[in-house]
C-alpha atoms as a PDB file:
ATOM      1  CA  MET A   1      27.235  48.975 -15.165  1.00  0.00           C
ATOM      2  CA  MET A   2      27.949  45.554 -16.686  1.00  0.00           C
ATOM      3  CA  TRP A   3      30.644  44.831 -14.165  1.00  0.00           C
ATOM      4  CA  LEU A   4      28.024  45.274 -11.541  1.00  0.00           C
ATOM      5  CA  PHE A   5      25.864  42.794 -12.828  1.00  0.00           C
ATOM      6  CA  ALA A   6      28.617  40.314 -13.272  1.00  0.00           C
ATOM      7  CA  ILE A   7      29.597  40.786  -9.646  1.00  0.00           C
ATOM      8  CA  LEU A   8      26.126  40.365  -8.453  1.00  0.00           C
ATOM      9  CA  ILE A   9      25.736  37.326 -10.556  1.00  0.00           C
ATOM     10  CA  VAL A  10      29.064  35.713  -9.218  1.00  0.00           C
ATOM     11  CA  LEU A  11      27.876  36.546  -5.620  1.00  0.00           C
ATOM     12  CA  ALA A  12      24.523  34.929  -5.965  1.00  0.00           C
ATOM     13  CA  LEU A  13      26.206  31.760  -7.436  1.00  0.00           C
ATOM     14  CA  GLY A  14      28.648  31.780  -4.665  1.00  0.00           C
ATOM     15  CA  GLY A  15      25.789  31.983  -2.071  1.00  0.00           C
ATOM     16  CA  VAL A  16      23.669  29.146  -3.857  1.00  0.00           C
ATOM     17  CA  ALA A  17      27.052  27.151  -3.695  1.00  0.00           C
ATOM     18  CA  VAL A  18      27.530  28.010  -0.074  1.00  0.00           C
ATOM     19  CA  VAL A  19      23.984  26.863   0.698  1.00  0.00           C
ATOM     20  CA  ALA A  20      24.259  23.676  -1.067  1.00  0.00           C
ATOM     21  CA  ALA A  21      27.414  22.775   0.491  1.00  0.00           C
ATOM     22  CA  GLY A  22      25.776  22.689   3.845  1.00  0.00           C
ATOM     23  CA  ARG A  23      27.036  26.040   5.261  1.00  0.00           C
ATOM     24  CA  GLY A  24      24.433  28.321   6.158  1.00  0.00           C
ATOM     25  CA  ALA A  25      21.122  27.165   7.099  1.00  0.00           C
ATOM     26  CA  PRO A  26      20.881  23.358   7.421  1.00  0.00           C
ATOM     27  CA  MET A  27      19.021  21.375   4.784  1.00  0.00           C
ATOM     28  CA  SER A  28      16.313  19.105   6.214  1.00  0.00           C
ATOM     29  CA  PRO A  29      17.586  15.600   7.018  1.00  0.00           C
ATOM     30  CA  ALA A  30      17.423  13.045   4.511  1.00  0.00           C
ATOM     31  CA  TYR A  31      15.154   9.803   4.701  1.00  0.00           C
ATOM     32  CA  ASP A  32      14.109   6.519   3.352  1.00  0.00           C
ATOM     33  CA  ASP A  33      11.023   6.772   1.593  1.00  0.00           C
ATOM     34  CA  ALA A  34      10.757   3.166   0.503  1.00  0.00           C
ATOM     35  CA  PRO A  35       8.024   1.755   2.330  1.00  0.00           C
ATOM     36  CA  ASP A  36       8.517  -1.593   4.120  1.00  0.00           C
ATOM     37  CA  THR A  37       7.055  -4.466   2.217  1.00  0.00           C
ATOM     38  CA  LEU A  38       6.038  -6.927   4.973  1.00  0.00           C
ATOM     39  CA  VAL A  39       5.991  -9.872   2.686  1.00  0.00           C
ATOM     40  CA  PRO A  40       7.305 -13.282   4.265  1.00  0.00           C
ATOM     41  CA  ALA A  41      10.569 -14.318   3.128  1.00  0.00           C
ATOM     42  CA  ASP A  42       9.700 -17.986   3.518  1.00  0.00           C
ATOM     43  CA  GLY A  43       6.296 -19.668   3.131  1.00  0.00           C
ATOM     44  CA  PRO A  44       3.300 -19.137   1.036  1.00  0.00           C
ATOM     45  CA  ILE A  45       2.073 -15.358   0.582  1.00  0.00           C
ATOM     46  CA  THR A  46      -1.355 -15.005   1.999  1.00  0.00           C
ATOM     47  CA  ALA A  47      -4.119 -12.515   0.912  1.00  0.00           C
ATOM     48  CA  ASP A  48      -3.616 -10.227   3.643  1.00  0.00           C
ATOM     49  CA  ASP A  49       0.161 -10.038   2.534  1.00  0.00           C
ATOM     50  CA  LEU A  50      -0.647  -8.963  -0.693  1.00  0.00           C
ATOM     51  CA  ARG A  51      -3.100  -5.906   0.966  1.00  0.00           C
ATOM     52  CA  ARG A  52      -0.197  -4.732   2.838  1.00  0.00           C
ATOM     53  CA  ILE A  53       2.223  -4.401   0.058  1.00  0.00           C
ATOM     54  CA  ARG A  54       3.155  -0.875  -0.777  1.00  0.00           C
ATOM     55  CA  PHE A  55       5.678   0.022  -3.567  1.00  0.00           C
ATOM     56  CA  PRO A  56       7.780   2.956  -3.741  1.00  0.00           C
ATOM     57  CA  ILE A  57       6.920   5.859  -6.139  1.00  0.00           C
ATOM     58  CA  ALA A  58      10.136   6.606  -8.432  1.00  0.00           C
ATOM     59  CA  PHE A  59      10.459   9.213 -11.191  1.00  0.00           C
ATOM     60  CA  ARG A  60       8.580   8.014 -13.997  1.00  0.00           C
ATOM     61  CA  GLY A  61       7.226   5.126 -11.885  1.00  0.00           C
ATOM     62  CA  TYR A  62       3.697   3.215 -12.180  1.00  0.00           C
ATOM     63  CA  ARG A  63       0.189   4.278 -11.704  1.00  0.00           C
ATOM     64  CA  MET A  64      -0.926   3.505  -8.113  1.00  0.00           C
ATOM     65  CA  ALA A  65      -4.281   2.613  -8.952  1.00  0.00           C
ATOM     66  CA  GLU A  66      -3.556  -0.291 -11.348  1.00  0.00           C
ATOM     67  CA  VAL A  67      -1.171  -1.742  -9.022  1.00  0.00           C
ATOM     68  CA  ASP A  68      -3.454  -1.555  -5.850  1.00  0.00           C
ATOM     69  CA  ALA A  69      -6.263  -3.152  -8.340  1.00  0.00           C
ATOM     70  CA  LEU A  70      -4.160  -5.959  -9.332  1.00  0.00           C
ATOM     71  CA  LEU A  71      -2.979  -6.560  -5.555  1.00  0.00           C
ATOM     72  CA  ASN A  72      -6.741  -6.626  -4.395  1.00  0.00           C
ATOM     73  CA  ARG A  73      -7.605  -8.869  -7.361  1.00  0.00           C
ATOM     74  CA  LEU A  74      -4.703 -11.179  -6.360  1.00  0.00           C
ATOM     75  CA  ALA A  75      -5.708 -11.183  -2.599  1.00  0.00           C
ATOM     76  CA  GLU A  76      -9.412 -12.215  -3.476  1.00  0.00           C
ATOM     77  CA  GLU A  77      -8.254 -14.815  -5.879  1.00  0.00           C
ATOM     78  CA  ARG A  78      -5.953 -16.047  -2.943  1.00  0.00           C
ATOM     79  CA  GLU A  79      -8.690 -16.092  -0.335  1.00  0.00           C
ATOM     80  CA  ALA A  80     -10.927 -17.979  -2.958  1.00  0.00           C
ATOM     81  CA  ALA A  81      -8.245 -20.419  -3.589  1.00  0.00           C
ATOM     82  CA  GLU A  82      -7.591 -20.879   0.635  1.00  0.00           C
ATOM     83  CA  GLY A  83     -11.389 -21.495   0.762  1.00  0.00           C
ATOM     84  CA  ASP A  84     -11.613 -24.101  -1.801  1.00  0.00           C
ATOM     85  CA  THR A  85      -8.722 -26.175  -0.438  1.00  0.00           C
ATOM     86  CA  GLY A  86      -9.484 -25.503   3.354  1.00  0.00           C
ATOM     87  CA  VAL A  87      -5.943 -24.209   3.861  1.00  0.00           C
ATOM     88  CA  SER A  88      -5.129 -21.208   5.912  1.00  0.00           C
ATOM     89  CA  ASP A  89      -2.346 -19.717   7.809  1.00  0.00           C
END
């Protein structure tokens, strides 16, 4: 009876290895989940640039609400500064 369980375990592990190696049913295609940060490489960053920024979430990453709140605050301060100096893009 013990031999039967050993054979079943070996077959199950072999099946997992076959699927993991790409044989059998295909795995879903991999995709890049990093969002495009549309921040200009040159020139000043505008308030709208700050609002468009989206950071990728990583394992043990960050709290999205805190980053979004900071970006909104920076965008508002940037708009206020642009309004005071009369400079706009």
